[in-house]
Full PDB file with SEQRES, HELIX, SHEET, SSBOND, CRYST1, ORIGX, SCALE, CONECT and MASTER records, all heavy atoms in Angstrom:
SEQRES   1 A   39  TRP MET ALA GLN ARG ARG ALA ARG TRP GLY ALA ALA GLN          
SEQRES   2 A   39  GLN ARG VAL ILE GLU ALA LEU HIS ALA GLN HIS ARG ALA          
SEQRES   3 A   39  GLY ALA GLU LEU ILE TYR VAL PRO GLY ASN HIS ASP ARG          
HELIX    1 AA1 ALA A   11  ARG A   25  1                                  15    
CRYST1    1.000    1.000    1.000  90.00  90.00  90.00 P 1           1          
ORIGX1      1.000000  0.000000  0.000000        0.00000                         
ORIGX2      0.000000  1.000000  0.000000        0.00000                         
ORIGX3      0.000000  0.000000  1.000000        0.00000                         
SCALE1      1.000000  0.000000  0.000000        0.00000                         
SCALE2      0.000000  1.000000  0.000000        0.00000                         
SCALE3      0.000000  0.000000  1.000000        0.00000                         
ATOM      1  N   TRP A   1       7.570  45.880 -58.149  1.00  0.00           N  
ATOM      2  CA  TRP A   1       7.262  45.265 -59.446  1.00  0.00           C  
ATOM      3  C   TRP A   1       7.180  46.330 -60.528  1.00  0.00           C  
ATOM      4  O   TRP A   1       7.707  46.171 -61.626  1.00  0.00           O  
ATOM      5  CB  TRP A   1       5.939  44.506 -59.358  1.00  0.00           C  
ATOM      6  CG  TRP A   1       5.481  43.930 -60.651  1.00  0.00           C  
ATOM      7  CD1 TRP A   1       4.849  44.566 -61.682  1.00  0.00           C  
ATOM      8  CD2 TRP A   1       5.659  42.567 -61.087  1.00  0.00           C  
ATOM      9  NE1 TRP A   1       4.606  43.707 -62.731  1.00  0.00           N  
ATOM     10  CE2 TRP A   1       5.093  42.476 -62.388  1.00  0.00           C  
ATOM     11  CE3 TRP A   1       6.227  41.422 -60.518  1.00  0.00           C  
ATOM     12  CZ2 TRP A   1       5.076  41.274 -63.096  1.00  0.00           C  
ATOM     13  CZ3 TRP A   1       6.195  40.237 -61.230  1.00  0.00           C  
ATOM     14  CH2 TRP A   1       5.631  40.170 -62.507  1.00  0.00           C  
ATOM     15  N   MET A   2       6.517  47.446 -60.224  1.00  0.00           N  
ATOM     16  CA  MET A   2       6.307  48.484 -61.221  1.00  0.00           C  
ATOM     17  C   MET A   2       7.621  49.147 -61.645  1.00  0.00           C  
ATOM     18  O   MET A   2       7.743  49.632 -62.770  1.00  0.00           O  
ATOM     19  CB  MET A   2       5.325  49.524 -60.673  1.00  0.00           C  
ATOM     20  CG  MET A   2       3.936  48.931 -60.443  1.00  0.00           C  
ATOM     21  SD  MET A   2       2.823  50.003 -59.496  1.00  0.00           S  
ATOM     22  CE  MET A   2       2.439  51.252 -60.720  1.00  0.00           C  
ATOM     23  N   ALA A   3       8.614  49.149 -60.752  1.00  0.00           N  
ATOM     24  CA  ALA A   3       9.912  49.706 -61.102  1.00  0.00           C  
ATOM     25  C   ALA A   3      10.749  48.731 -61.924  1.00  0.00           C  
ATOM     26  O   ALA A   3      11.587  49.145 -62.739  1.00  0.00           O  
ATOM     27  CB  ALA A   3      10.682  50.090 -59.829  1.00  0.00           C  
ATOM     28  N   GLN A   4      10.523  47.416 -61.717  1.00  0.00           N  
ATOM     29  CA  GLN A   4      11.324  46.404 -62.386  1.00  0.00           C  
ATOM     30  C   GLN A   4      10.710  45.916 -63.700  1.00  0.00           C  
ATOM     31  O   GLN A   4      11.417  45.531 -64.620  1.00  0.00           O  
ATOM     32  CB  GLN A   4      11.504  45.181 -61.451  1.00  0.00           C  
ATOM     33  CG  GLN A   4      12.182  45.478 -60.126  1.00  0.00           C  
ATOM     34  CD  GLN A   4      13.649  45.807 -60.296  1.00  0.00           C  
ATOM     35  OE1 GLN A   4      14.322  45.234 -61.152  1.00  0.00           O  
ATOM     36  NE2 GLN A   4      14.150  46.726 -59.481  1.00  0.00           N  
ATOM     37  N   ARG A   5       9.384  45.912 -63.752  1.00  0.00           N  
ATOM     38  CA  ARG A   5       8.669  45.348 -64.894  1.00  0.00           C  
ATOM     39  C   ARG A   5       7.527  46.259 -65.303  1.00  0.00           C  
ATOM     40  O   ARG A   5       7.247  47.240 -64.636  1.00  0.00           O  
ATOM     41  CB  ARG A   5       8.124  43.956 -64.525  1.00  0.00           C  
ATOM     42  CG  ARG A   5       9.197  42.942 -64.124  1.00  0.00           C  
ATOM     43  CD  ARG A   5       8.547  41.689 -63.585  1.00  0.00           C  
ATOM     44  NE  ARG A   5       9.517  40.645 -63.288  1.00  0.00           N  
ATOM     45  CZ  ARG A   5      10.186  40.552 -62.155  1.00  0.00           C  
ATOM     46  NH1 ARG A   5       9.990  41.460 -61.199  1.00  0.00           N  
ATOM     47  NH2 ARG A   5      11.040  39.577 -61.944  1.00  0.00           N  
ATOM     48  N   ARG A   6       6.868  45.880 -66.353  1.00  0.00           N  
ATOM     49  CA  ARG A   6       5.748  46.684 -66.850  1.00  0.00           C  
ATOM     50  C   ARG A   6       4.579  46.577 -65.892  1.00  0.00           C  
ATOM     51  O   ARG A   6       4.161  45.472 -65.518  1.00  0.00           O  
ATOM     52  CB  ARG A   6       5.340  46.199 -68.232  1.00  0.00           C  
ATOM     53  CG  ARG A   6       4.235  47.027 -68.876  1.00  0.00           C  
ATOM     54  CD  ARG A   6       3.932  46.512 -70.268  1.00  0.00           C  
ATOM     55  NE  ARG A   6       2.849  47.287 -70.867  1.00  0.00           N  
ATOM     56  CZ  ARG A   6       2.353  47.036 -72.076  1.00  0.00           C  
ATOM     57  NH1 ARG A   6       2.858  46.048 -72.803  1.00  0.00           N  
ATOM     58  NH2 ARG A   6       1.369  47.780 -72.540  1.00  0.00           N  
ATOM     59  N   ALA A   7       4.014  47.708 -65.512  1.00  0.00           N  
ATOM     60  CA  ALA A   7       2.893  47.713 -64.571  1.00  0.00           C  
ATOM     61  C   ALA A   7       1.626  47.200 -65.251  1.00  0.00           C  
ATOM     62  O   ALA A   7       1.394  47.418 -66.437  1.00  0.00           O  
ATOM     63  CB  ALA A   7       2.661  49.130 -64.047  1.00  0.00           C  
ATOM     64  N   ARG A   8       0.819  46.480 -64.476  1.00  0.00           N  
ATOM     65  CA  ARG A   8      -0.475  46.025 -64.929  1.00  0.00           C  
ATOM     66  C   ARG A   8      -1.550  46.868 -64.224  1.00  0.00           C  
ATOM     67  O   ARG A   8      -1.740  46.732 -63.004  1.00  0.00           O  
ATOM     68  CB  ARG A   8      -0.672  44.539 -64.597  1.00  0.00           C  
ATOM     69  CG  ARG A   8       0.399  43.621 -65.174  1.00  0.00           C  
ATOM     70  CD  ARG A   8       0.317  43.563 -66.692  1.00  0.00           C  
ATOM     71  NE  ARG A   8       1.332  42.680 -67.241  1.00  0.00           N  
ATOM     72  CZ  ARG A   8       1.136  41.379 -67.493  1.00  0.00           C  
ATOM     73  NH1 ARG A   8      -0.036  40.822 -67.221  1.00  0.00           N  
ATOM     74  NH2 ARG A   8       2.096  40.633 -67.996  1.00  0.00           N  
ATOM     75  N   TRP A   9      -2.221  47.725 -64.958  1.00  0.00           N  
ATOM     76  CA  TRP A   9      -3.214  48.592 -64.333  1.00  0.00           C  
ATOM     77  C   TRP A   9      -4.377  48.776 -65.306  1.00  0.00           C  
ATOM     78  O   TRP A   9      -4.227  49.341 -66.373  1.00  0.00           O  
ATOM     79  CB  TRP A   9      -2.622  49.950 -63.980  1.00  0.00           C  
ATOM     80  CG  TRP A   9      -3.427  50.648 -62.919  1.00  0.00           C  
ATOM     81  CD1 TRP A   9      -4.567  51.386 -63.105  1.00  0.00           C  
ATOM     82  CD2 TRP A   9      -3.160  50.636 -61.526  1.00  0.00           C  
ATOM     83  NE1 TRP A   9      -5.030  51.828 -61.901  1.00  0.00           N  
ATOM     84  CE2 TRP A   9      -4.188  51.399 -60.906  1.00  0.00           C  
ATOM     85  CE3 TRP A   9      -2.161  50.072 -60.717  1.00  0.00           C  
ATOM     86  CZ2 TRP A   9      -4.245  51.596 -59.534  1.00  0.00           C  
ATOM     87  CZ3 TRP A   9      -2.209  50.277 -59.357  1.00  0.00           C  
ATOM     88  CH2 TRP A   9      -3.246  51.039 -58.777  1.00  0.00           C  
ATOM     89  N   GLY A  10      -5.518  48.253 -64.897  1.00  0.00           N  
ATOM     90  CA  GLY A  10      -6.695  48.350 -65.750  1.00  0.00           C  
ATOM     91  C   GLY A  10      -7.931  48.656 -64.943  1.00  0.00           C  
ATOM     92  O   GLY A  10      -7.871  49.213 -63.846  1.00  0.00           O  
ATOM     93  N   ALA A  11      -9.086  48.232 -65.460  1.00  0.00           N  
ATOM     94  CA  ALA A  11     -10.362  48.555 -64.829  1.00  0.00           C  
ATOM     95  C   ALA A  11     -10.484  47.906 -63.456  1.00  0.00           C  
ATOM     96  O   ALA A  11     -11.022  48.516 -62.516  1.00  0.00           O  
ATOM     97  CB  ALA A  11     -11.513  48.100 -65.729  1.00  0.00           C  
ATOM     98  N   ALA A  12      -9.995  46.667 -63.306  1.00  0.00           N  
ATOM     99  CA  ALA A  12     -10.115  45.964 -62.021  1.00  0.00           C  
ATOM    100  C   ALA A  12      -9.301  46.672 -60.941  1.00  0.00           C  
ATOM    101  O   ALA A  12      -9.754  46.842 -59.797  1.00  0.00           O  
ATOM    102  CB  ALA A  12      -9.662  44.520 -62.163  1.00  0.00           C  
ATOM    103  N   GLN A  13      -8.087  47.085 -61.287  1.00  0.00           N  
ATOM    104  CA  GLN A  13      -7.249  47.805 -60.327  1.00  0.00           C  
ATOM    105  C   GLN A  13      -7.900  49.129 -59.926  1.00  0.00           C  
ATOM    106  O   GLN A  13      -7.863  49.523 -58.757  1.00  0.00           O  
ATOM    107  CB  GLN A  13      -5.860  48.055 -60.913  1.00  0.00           C  
ATOM    108  CG  GLN A  13      -4.978  46.816 -60.994  1.00  0.00           C  
ATOM    109  CD  GLN A  13      -5.346  45.895 -62.144  1.00  0.00           C  
ATOM    110  OE1 GLN A  13      -6.176  46.231 -62.981  1.00  0.00           O  
ATOM    111  NE2 GLN A  13      -4.738  44.722 -62.185  1.00  0.00           N  
ATOM    112  N   GLN A  14      -8.501  49.812 -60.893  1.00  0.00           N  
ATOM    113  CA  GLN A  14      -9.166  51.081 -60.589  1.00  0.00           C  
ATOM    114  C   GLN A  14     -10.368  50.872 -59.685  1.00  0.00           C  
ATOM    115  O   GLN A  14     -10.669  51.709 -58.827  1.00  0.00           O  
ATOM    116  CB  GLN A  14      -9.585  51.777 -61.883  1.00  0.00           C  
ATOM    117  CG  GLN A  14     -10.012  53.211 -61.703  1.00  0.00           C  
ATOM    118  CD  GLN A  14      -8.931  54.073 -61.069  1.00  0.00           C  
ATOM    119  OE1 GLN A  14      -7.738  53.935 -61.363  1.00  0.00           O  
ATOM    120  NE2 GLN A  14      -9.335  54.965 -60.173  1.00  0.00           N  
ATOM    121  N   ARG A  15     -11.049  49.736 -59.841  1.00  0.00           N  
ATOM    122  CA  ARG A  15     -12.204  49.437 -58.977  1.00  0.00           C  
ATOM    123  C   ARG A  15     -11.759  49.245 -57.530  1.00  0.00           C  
ATOM    124  O   ARG A  15     -12.510  49.577 -56.596  1.00  0.00           O  
ATOM    125  CB  ARG A  15     -12.947  48.201 -59.470  1.00  0.00           C  
ATOM    126  CG  ARG A  15     -13.764  48.439 -60.729  1.00  0.00           C  
ATOM    127  CD  ARG A  15     -14.855  47.398 -60.912  1.00  0.00           C  
ATOM    128  NE  ARG A  15     -14.320  46.041 -60.978  1.00  0.00           N  
ATOM    129  CZ  ARG A  15     -13.920  45.470 -62.115  1.00  0.00           C  
ATOM    130  NH1 ARG A  15     -13.972  46.139 -63.249  1.00  0.00           N  
ATOM    131  NH2 ARG A  15     -13.469  44.234 -62.103  1.00  0.00           N  
ATOM    132  N   VAL A  16     -10.545  48.714 -57.316  1.00  0.00           N  
ATOM    133  CA  VAL A  16     -10.033  48.577 -55.945  1.00  0.00           C  
ATOM    134  C   VAL A  16      -9.869  49.954 -55.314  1.00  0.00           C  
ATOM    135  O   VAL A  16     -10.268  50.184 -54.160  1.00  0.00           O  
ATOM    136  CB  VAL A  16      -8.698  47.810 -55.945  1.00  0.00           C  
ATOM    137  CG1 VAL A  16      -8.057  47.853 -54.546  1.00  0.00           C  
ATOM    138  CG2 VAL A  16      -8.898  46.364 -56.385  1.00  0.00           C  
ATOM    139  N   ILE A  17      -9.256  50.896 -56.062  1.00  0.00           N  
ATOM    140  CA  ILE A  17      -9.075  52.248 -55.543  1.00  0.00           C  
ATOM    141  C   ILE A  17     -10.424  52.892 -55.235  1.00  0.00           C  
ATOM    142  O   ILE A  17     -10.615  53.533 -54.195  1.00  0.00           O  
ATOM    143  CB  ILE A  17      -8.287  53.106 -56.557  1.00  0.00           C  
ATOM    144  CG1 ILE A  17      -6.912  52.465 -56.841  1.00  0.00           C  
ATOM    145  CG2 ILE A  17      -8.121  54.528 -56.036  1.00  0.00           C  
ATOM    146  CD1 ILE A  17      -6.034  52.305 -55.630  1.00  0.00           C  
ATOM    147  N   GLU A  18     -11.381  52.700 -56.136  1.00  0.00           N  
ATOM    148  CA  GLU A  18     -12.709  53.251 -55.920  1.00  0.00           C  
ATOM    149  C   GLU A  18     -13.380  52.633 -54.700  1.00  0.00           C  
ATOM    150  O   GLU A  18     -14.085  53.322 -53.941  1.00  0.00           O  
ATOM    151  CB  GLU A  18     -13.566  53.048 -57.172  1.00  0.00           C  
ATOM    152  CG  GLU A  18     -13.089  53.854 -58.369  1.00  0.00           C  
ATOM    153  CD  GLU A  18     -13.753  53.437 -59.661  1.00  0.00           C  
ATOM    154  OE1 GLU A  18     -14.559  52.464 -59.625  1.00  0.00           O  
ATOM    155  OE2 GLU A  18     -13.471  54.047 -60.713  1.00  0.00           O  
ATOM    156  N   ALA A  19     -13.159  51.333 -54.490  1.00  0.00           N  
ATOM    157  CA  ALA A  19     -13.743  50.658 -53.322  1.00  0.00           C  
ATOM    158  C   ALA A  19     -13.144  51.197 -52.027  1.00  0.00           C  
ATOM    159  O   ALA A  19     -13.855  51.341 -51.008  1.00  0.00           O  
ATOM    160  CB  ALA A  19     -13.529  49.155 -53.410  1.00  0.00           C  
ATOM    161  N   LEU A  20     -11.850  51.519 -52.017  1.00  0.00           N  
ATOM    162  CA  LEU A  20     -11.225  52.112 -50.843  1.00  0.00           C  
ATOM    163  C   LEU A  20     -11.788  53.500 -50.571  1.00  0.00           C  
ATOM    164  O   LEU A  20     -12.062  53.857 -49.412  1.00  0.00           O  
ATOM    165  CB  LEU A  20      -9.706  52.174 -51.026  1.00  0.00           C  
ATOM    166  CG  LEU A  20      -8.977  50.834 -51.067  1.00  0.00           C  
ATOM    167  CD1 LEU A  20      -7.511  51.039 -51.409  1.00  0.00           C  
ATOM    168  CD2 LEU A  20      -9.107  50.107 -49.720  1.00  0.00           C  
ATOM    169  N   HIS A  21     -11.985  54.284 -51.626  1.00  0.00           N  
ATOM    170  CA  HIS A  21     -12.595  55.608 -51.455  1.00  0.00           C  
ATOM    171  C   HIS A  21     -14.020  55.465 -50.906  1.00  0.00           C  
ATOM    172  O   HIS A  21     -14.456  56.263 -50.060  1.00  0.00           O  
ATOM    173  CB  HIS A  21     -12.618  56.358 -52.782  1.00  0.00           C  
ATOM    174  CG  HIS A  21     -11.304  56.960 -53.156  1.00  0.00           C  
ATOM    175  ND1 HIS A  21     -10.674  57.923 -52.383  1.00  0.00           N  
ATOM    176  CD2 HIS A  21     -10.492  56.758 -54.226  1.00  0.00           C  
ATOM    177  CE1 HIS A  21      -9.533  58.273 -52.953  1.00  0.00           C  
ATOM    178  NE2 HIS A  21      -9.389  57.578 -54.077  1.00  0.00           N  
ATOM    179  N   ALA A  22     -14.736  54.459 -51.395  1.00  0.00           N  
ATOM    180  CA  ALA A  22     -16.111  54.250 -50.932  1.00  0.00           C  
ATOM    181  C   ALA A  22     -16.134  53.891 -49.447  1.00  0.00           C  
ATOM    182  O   ALA A  22     -17.017  54.340 -48.705  1.00  0.00           O  
ATOM    183  CB  ALA A  22     -16.779  53.147 -51.755  1.00  0.00           C  
ATOM    184  N   GLN A  23     -15.150  53.088 -48.995  1.00  0.00           N  
ATOM    185  CA  GLN A  23     -15.065  52.763 -47.575  1.00  0.00           C  
ATOM    186  C   GLN A  23     -14.847  54.028 -46.743  1.00  0.00           C  
ATOM    187  O   GLN A  23     -15.455  54.204 -45.689  1.00  0.00           O  
ATOM    188  CB  GLN A  23     -13.935  51.761 -47.328  1.00  0.00           C  
ATOM    189  CG  GLN A  23     -14.208  50.350 -47.810  1.00  0.00           C  
ATOM    190  CD  GLN A  23     -15.204  49.617 -46.932  1.00  0.00           C  
ATOM    191  OE1 GLN A  23     -15.494  50.018 -45.822  1.00  0.00           O  
ATOM    192  NE2 GLN A  23     -15.735  48.504 -47.447  1.00  0.00           N  
ATOM    193  N   HIS A  24     -13.978  54.904 -47.217  1.00  0.00           N  
ATOM    194  CA  HIS A  24     -13.715  56.150 -46.516  1.00  0.00           C  
ATOM    195  C   HIS A  24     -14.964  57.043 -46.463  1.00  0.00           C  
ATOM    196  O   HIS A  24     -15.293  57.598 -45.411  1.00  0.00           O  
ATOM    197  CB  HIS A  24     -12.565  56.903 -47.191  1.00  0.00           C  
ATOM    198  CG  HIS A  24     -12.285  58.245 -46.599  1.00  0.00           C  
ATOM    199  ND1 HIS A  24     -11.827  58.419 -45.315  1.00  0.00           N  
ATOM    200  CD2 HIS A  24     -12.409  59.492 -47.128  1.00  0.00           C  
ATOM    201  CE1 HIS A  24     -11.674  59.718 -45.071  1.00  0.00           C  
ATOM    202  NE2 HIS A  24     -12.032  60.386 -46.150  1.00  0.00           N  
ATOM    203  N   ARG A  25     -15.654  57.139 -47.591  1.00  0.00           N  
ATOM    204  CA  ARG A  25     -16.866  57.959 -47.616  1.00  0.00           C  
ATOM    205  C   ARG A  25     -17.950  57.399 -46.705  1.00  0.00           C  
ATOM    206  O   ARG A  25     -18.757  58.158 -46.147  1.00  0.00           O  
ATOM    207  CB  ARG A  25     -17.393  58.067 -49.051  1.00  0.00           C  
ATOM    208  CG  ARG A  25     -16.543  58.913 -49.971  1.00  0.00           C  
ATOM    209  CD  ARG A  25     -17.290  59.244 -51.248  1.00  0.00           C  
ATOM    210  NE  ARG A  25     -17.679  58.048 -51.975  1.00  0.00           N  
ATOM    211  CZ  ARG A  25     -16.924  57.448 -52.904  1.00  0.00           C  
ATOM    212  NH1 ARG A  25     -15.724  57.954 -53.200  1.00  0.00           N  
ATOM    213  NH2 ARG A  25     -17.345  56.371 -53.515  1.00  0.00           N  
ATOM    214  N   ALA A  26     -17.942  56.078 -46.526  1.00  0.00           N  
ATOM    215  CA  ALA A  26     -18.937  55.446 -45.656  1.00  0.00           C  
ATOM    216  C   ALA A  26     -18.587  55.591 -44.177  1.00  0.00           C  
ATOM    217  O   ALA A  26     -19.359  55.142 -43.320  1.00  0.00           O  
ATOM    218  CB  ALA A  26     -19.081  53.966 -46.020  1.00  0.00           C  
ATOM    219  N   GLY A  27     -17.429  56.189 -43.885  1.00  0.00           N  
ATOM    220  CA  GLY A  27     -17.064  56.446 -42.494  1.00  0.00           C  
ATOM    221  C   GLY A  27     -15.966  55.574 -41.933  1.00  0.00           C  
ATOM    222  O   GLY A  27     -15.603  55.718 -40.763  1.00  0.00           O  
ATOM    223  N   ALA A  28     -15.422  54.661 -42.723  1.00  0.00           N  
ATOM    224  CA  ALA A  28     -14.361  53.794 -42.241  1.00  0.00           C  
ATOM    225  C   ALA A  28     -13.062  54.603 -42.074  1.00  0.00           C  
ATOM    226  O   ALA A  28     -12.723  55.437 -42.912  1.00  0.00           O  
ATOM    227  CB  ALA A  28     -14.125  52.635 -43.201  1.00  0.00           C  
ATOM    228  N   GLU A  29     -12.348  54.333 -40.999  1.00  0.00           N  
ATOM    229  CA  GLU A  29     -11.025  54.922 -40.773  1.00  0.00           C  
ATOM    230  C   GLU A  29      -9.995  54.036 -41.454  1.00  0.00           C  
ATOM    231  O   GLU A  29      -9.904  52.840 -41.164  1.00  0.00           O  
ATOM    232  CB  GLU A  29     -10.748  55.011 -39.271  1.00  0.00           C  
ATOM    233  CG  GLU A  29      -9.402  55.592 -38.920  1.00  0.00           C  
ATOM    234  CD  GLU A  29      -9.138  55.571 -37.425  1.00  0.00           C  
ATOM    235  OE1 GLU A  29      -9.977  55.037 -36.669  1.00  0.00           O  
ATOM    236  OE2 GLU A  29      -8.070  56.079 -37.021  1.00  0.00           O  
ATOM    237  N   LEU A  30      -9.209  54.594 -42.388  1.00  0.00           N  
ATOM    238  CA  LEU A  30      -8.210  53.828 -43.119  1.00  0.00           C  
ATOM    239  C   LEU A  30      -6.830  54.048 -42.505  1.00  0.00           C  
ATOM    240  O   LEU A  30      -6.407  55.197 -42.301  1.00  0.00           O  
ATOM    241  CB  LEU A  30      -8.172  54.248 -44.595  1.00  0.00           C  
ATOM    242  CG  LEU A  30      -9.128  53.508 -45.548  1.00  0.00           C  
ATOM    243  CD1 LEU A  30     -10.579  53.665 -45.135  1.00  0.00           C  
ATOM    244  CD2 LEU A  30      -8.937  53.969 -46.988  1.00  0.00           C  
ATOM    245  N   ILE A  31      -6.149  52.939 -42.201  1.00  0.00           N  
ATOM    246  CA  ILE A  31      -4.809  52.984 -41.629  1.00  0.00           C  
ATOM    247  C   ILE A  31      -3.897  52.148 -42.514  1.00  0.00           C  
ATOM    248  O   ILE A  31      -4.132  50.951 -42.729  1.00  0.00           O  
ATOM    249  CB  ILE A  31      -4.782  52.450 -40.186  1.00  0.00           C  
ATOM    250  CG1 ILE A  31      -5.739  53.270 -39.325  1.00  0.00           C  
ATOM    251  CG2 ILE A  31      -3.365  52.486 -39.622  1.00  0.00           C  
ATOM    252  CD1 ILE A  31      -5.898  52.735 -37.915  1.00  0.00           C  
ATOM    253  N   TYR A  32      -2.862  52.772 -43.034  1.00  0.00           N  
ATOM    254  CA  TYR A  32      -1.949  52.147 -44.005  1.00  0.00           C  
ATOM    255  C   TYR A  32      -0.605  51.908 -43.324  1.00  0.00           C  
ATOM    256  O   TYR A  32       0.060  52.830 -42.887  1.00  0.00           O  
ATOM    257  CB  TYR A  32      -1.828  53.091 -45.205  1.00  0.00           C  
ATOM    258  CG  TYR A  32      -1.033  52.590 -46.385  1.00  0.00           C  
ATOM    259  CD1 TYR A  32      -0.457  51.318 -46.425  1.00  0.00           C  
ATOM    260  CD2 TYR A  32      -0.867  53.407 -47.498  1.00  0.00           C  
ATOM    261  CE1 TYR A  32       0.250  50.892 -47.523  1.00  0.00           C  
ATOM    262  CE2 TYR A  32      -0.161  53.001 -48.617  1.00  0.00           C  
ATOM    263  CZ  TYR A  32       0.407  51.726 -48.621  1.00  0.00           C  
ATOM    264  OH  TYR A  32       1.111  51.314 -49.726  1.00  0.00           O  
ATOM    265  N   VAL A  33      -0.218  50.624 -43.263  1.00  0.00           N  
ATOM    266  CA  VAL A  33       1.073  50.212 -42.713  1.00  0.00           C  
ATOM    267  C   VAL A  33       1.892  49.658 -43.874  1.00  0.00           C  
ATOM    268  O   VAL A  33       1.705  48.504 -44.275  1.00  0.00           O  
ATOM    269  CB  VAL A  33       0.899  49.147 -41.605  1.00  0.00           C  
ATOM    270  CG1 VAL A  33       2.249  48.718 -41.048  1.00  0.00           C  
ATOM    271  CG2 VAL A  33      -0.006  49.670 -40.489  1.00  0.00           C  
ATOM    272  N   PRO A  34       2.797  50.424 -44.493  1.00  0.00           N  
ATOM    273  CA  PRO A  34       3.507  49.973 -45.693  1.00  0.00           C  
ATOM    274  C   PRO A  34       4.376  48.729 -45.440  1.00  0.00           C  
ATOM    275  O   PRO A  34       4.833  48.482 -44.328  1.00  0.00           O  
ATOM    276  CB  PRO A  34       4.377  51.176 -46.073  1.00  0.00           C  
ATOM    277  CG  PRO A  34       3.738  52.347 -45.399  1.00  0.00           C  
ATOM    278  CD  PRO A  34       3.165  51.807 -44.125  1.00  0.00           C  
ATOM    279  N   GLY A  35       4.591  47.971 -46.515  1.00  0.00           N  
ATOM    280  CA  GLY A  35       5.433  46.788 -46.449  1.00  0.00           C  
ATOM    281  C   GLY A  35       6.723  46.968 -47.218  1.00  0.00           C  
ATOM    282  O   GLY A  35       7.161  48.087 -47.466  1.00  0.00           O  
ATOM    283  N   ASN A  36       7.331  45.854 -47.624  1.00  0.00           N  
ATOM    284  CA  ASN A  36       8.602  45.935 -48.324  1.00  0.00           C  
ATOM    285  C   ASN A  36       8.439  46.248 -49.811  1.00  0.00           C  
ATOM    286  O   ASN A  36       9.329  46.849 -50.421  1.00  0.00           O  
ATOM    287  CB  ASN A  36       9.405  44.635 -48.145  1.00  0.00           C  
ATOM    288  CG  ASN A  36       8.628  43.403 -48.532  1.00  0.00           C  
ATOM    289  OD1 ASN A  36       7.507  43.194 -48.063  1.00  0.00           O  
ATOM    290  ND2 ASN A  36       9.207  42.562 -49.361  1.00  0.00           N  
ATOM    291  N   HIS A  37       7.313  45.915 -50.414  1.00  0.00           N  
ATOM    292  CA  HIS A  37       7.104  46.215 -51.833  1.00  0.00           C  
ATOM    293  C   HIS A  37       6.555  47.624 -52.051  1.00  0.00           C  
ATOM    294  O   HIS A  37       6.517  48.088 -53.185  1.00  0.00           O  
ATOM    295  CB  HIS A  37       6.180  45.178 -52.482  1.00  0.00           C  
ATOM    296  CG  HIS A  37       6.881  43.912 -52.856  1.00  0.00           C  
ATOM    297  ND1 HIS A  37       6.895  43.409 -54.134  1.00  0.00           N  
ATOM    298  CD2 HIS A  37       7.618  43.041 -52.112  1.00  0.00           C  
ATOM    299  CE1 HIS A  37       7.604  42.298 -54.160  1.00  0.00           C  
ATOM    300  NE2 HIS A  37       8.049  42.049 -52.934  1.00  0.00           N  
ATOM    301  N   ASP A  38       6.091  48.272 -50.979  1.00  0.00           N  
ATOM    302  CA  ASP A  38       5.751  49.694 -51.055  1.00  0.00           C  
ATOM    303  C   ASP A  38       6.543  50.462 -49.997  1.00  0.00           C  
ATOM    304  O   ASP A  38       6.053  51.395 -49.376  1.00  0.00           O  
ATOM    305  CB  ASP A  38       4.239  49.916 -50.900  1.00  0.00           C  
ATOM    306  CG  ASP A  38       3.618  49.145 -49.741  1.00  0.00           C  
ATOM    307  OD1 ASP A  38       4.378  48.610 -48.899  1.00  0.00           O  
ATOM    308  OD2 ASP A  38       2.384  49.060 -49.667  1.00  0.00           O  
ATOM    309  N   ARG A  39       7.798  50.041 -49.842  1.00  0.00           N  
ATOM    310  CA  ARG A  39       8.689  50.596 -48.815  1.00  0.00           C  
ATOM    311  C   ARG A  39       8.852  52.113 -48.942  1.00  0.00           C  
ATOM    312  O   ARG A  39       9.022  52.808 -47.935  1.00  0.00           O  
ATOM    313  CB  ARG A  39      10.066  49.919 -48.916  1.00  0.00           C  
ATOM    314  CG  ARG A  39      11.029  50.276 -47.789  1.00  0.00           C  
ATOM    315  CD  ARG A  39      12.408  49.707 -48.069  1.00  0.00           C  
ATOM    316  NE  ARG A  39      12.370  48.268 -48.279  1.00  0.00           N  
ATOM    317  CZ  ARG A  39      12.432  47.383 -47.292  1.00  0.00           C  
ATOM    318  NH1 ARG A  39      12.520  47.792 -46.043  1.00  0.00           N  
ATOM    319  NH2 ARG A  39      12.395  46.080 -47.559  1.00  0.00           N  
TER     320      ARG A  39                                                      
MASTER        0    0    0    1    0    0    0    6  319    1    0    3          
END                                                                             
């Protein structure tokens, strides 16, 4: 989407990134399995 159209990135999107960092800091193991839109 970001390559085809204008990206939408604001405070809510940044809070998602911060929440993922918080999970990692709390000890959660993060495993990322990419899909077709983040190929």
